[in-house]
Amino acid sequence: MPIKKQYLKTRDVCKVTFRIPETTAIKAREAAVVGDFNRWDAGANPMKKLKTDGSFKTVVELPKNGEYAFRYLVDGREWLNEPEADRSAPTPYPDARNSLIQT
């Protein structure tokens, strides 16, 4: 389960857990989730490599009722999409698409 959403009752946010499975990130040293919610800043939401299975994971709080474009950046050079995102959308670059998440 690469994406998990948890809606908070006390605040208007959704805690989103982003995860890159170990089969995708097996040789990766670092990863980050970047998108509209962090101004595409690769340093804003680094992902932690889990010792238990080698996957990468991070949790980001996003405002409810929004839609956000994002991608994973692995080792500072490889862009990955989330196959289980809510949908995808084209980017200004003809060879790329963004993953989209709705909260």
Protein backbone atom coordinates (compact mmCIF):
# COMPACT_ATOMS: atom_id res chain seq x y z
CA MET A 1 0.00 0.00 0.00
CA PRO A 2 2.11 2.92 -1.24
CA ILE A 3 -0.36 5.70 -0.26
CA LYS A 4 -2.41 5.82 2.92
CA LYS A 5 -4.76 8.67 3.86
CA GLN A 6 -5.82 9.42 7.43
CA TYR A 7 -8.36 12.20 7.95
CA LEU A 8 -8.10 13.96 11.29
CA LYS A 9 -11.30 14.78 13.16
CA THR A 10 -9.82 17.69 15.09
CA ARG A 11 -8.16 19.54 12.19
CA ASP A 12 -8.90 20.14 8.51
CA VAL A 13 -5.93 18.10 7.33
CA CYS A 14 -5.29 14.69 5.89
CA LYS A 15 -2.15 12.83 6.96
CA VAL A 16 -0.85 11.16 3.82
CA THR A 17 1.72 8.39 4.08
CA PHE A 18 3.79 8.11 0.91
CA ARG A 19 5.76 4.90 0.40
CA ILE A 20 8.11 3.64 -2.30
CA PRO A 21 8.24 -0.16 -2.11
CA GLU A 22 11.59 -1.87 -1.73
CA THR A 23 11.22 -3.57 -5.09
CA THR A 24 11.23 -0.12 -6.74
CA ALA A 25 13.89 1.45 -4.49
CA ILE A 26 16.12 -1.56 -3.98
CA LYS A 27 19.37 0.21 -4.97
CA ALA A 28 18.35 3.74 -3.97
CA ARG A 29 20.24 5.66 -1.31
CA GLU A 30 17.76 8.50 -0.81
CA ALA A 31 14.29 9.56 -1.89
CA ALA A 32 11.90 12.48 -1.46
CA VAL A 33 8.30 13.25 -2.28
CA VAL A 34 8.01 16.56 -4.12
CA GLY A 35 4.96 18.37 -5.40
CA ASP A 36 2.63 21.33 -5.31
CA PHE A 37 2.36 21.07 -1.53
CA ASN A 38 6.09 21.81 -1.03
CA ARG A 39 6.78 23.97 -4.10
CA TRP A 40 8.64 21.06 -5.73
CA ASP A 41 11.42 21.39 -3.16
CA ALA A 42 13.35 18.10 -2.99
CA GLY A 43 14.62 18.96 0.49
CA ALA A 44 11.22 19.66 2.04
CA ASN A 45 9.91 16.10 2.48
CA PRO A 46 12.74 13.56 2.48
CA MET A 47 11.73 9.95 2.85
CA LYS A 48 13.25 7.60 5.40
CA LYS A 49 14.63 4.27 4.24
CA LEU A 50 13.16 1.58 6.46
CA LYS A 51 15.60 -1.00 7.78
CA THR A 52 12.87 -3.62 8.03
CA ASP A 53 12.21 -3.96 4.30
CA GLY A 54 14.25 -1.34 2.39
CA SER A 55 11.24 0.74 1.35
CA PHE A 56 11.11 4.54 1.70
CA LYS A 57 8.37 6.29 3.69
CA THR A 58 7.28 9.74 4.83
CA VAL A 59 4.10 11.36 6.17
CA VAL A 60 2.87 14.76 4.95
CA GLU A 61 -0.10 16.70 6.32
CA LEU A 62 -2.17 18.19 3.48
CA PRO A 63 -5.22 20.44 3.72
CA LYS A 64 -8.51 18.60 3.18
CA ASN A 65 -10.50 19.00 -0.04
CA GLY A 66 -7.48 19.66 -2.22
CA GLU A 67 -5.79 18.05 -5.17
CA TYR A 68 -2.01 17.97 -5.35
CA ALA A 69 0.43 16.99 -8.09
CA PHE A 70 3.51 15.11 -6.92
CA ARG A 71 6.29 12.73 -7.92
CA TYR A 72 9.06 10.85 -6.15
CA LEU A 73 12.67 11.91 -6.66
CA VAL A 74 15.14 9.07 -6.11
CA ASP A 75 18.87 9.72 -5.63
CA GLY A 76 18.39 13.30 -6.83
CA ARG A 77 18.02 12.32 -10.48
CA GLU A 78 15.31 9.72 -11.14
CA TRP A 79 11.66 10.80 -11.16
CA LEU A 80 9.03 8.16 -10.35
CA ASN A 81 5.25 8.26 -10.45
CA GLU A 82 2.94 6.62 -7.95
CA PRO A 83 1.00 3.83 -9.67
CA GLU A 84 -1.70 3.94 -6.96
CA ALA A 85 -2.27 7.70 -7.11
CA ASP A 86 -5.84 8.93 -7.46
CA ARG A 87 -5.08 9.91 -11.06
CA SER A 88 -2.35 11.46 -13.21
CA ALA A 89 -2.00 14.60 -15.29
CA PRO A 90 0.32 15.85 -18.02
CA THR A 91 3.22 18.16 -17.20
CA PRO A 92 4.77 20.93 -19.30
CA TYR A 93 7.33 18.31 -20.34
CA PRO A 94 6.05 16.06 -23.13
CA ASP A 95 7.68 12.90 -21.76
CA ALA A 96 6.35 13.15 -18.18
CA ARG A 97 3.17 12.97 -16.14
CA ASN A 98 2.51 13.92 -12.53
CA SER A 99 0.73 11.75 -10.00
CA LEU A 100 -2.28 13.41 -8.35
CA ILE A 101 -3.68 12.91 -4.88
CA GLN A 102 -7.04 14.17 -3.66
CA THR A 103 -7.62 14.84 0.01
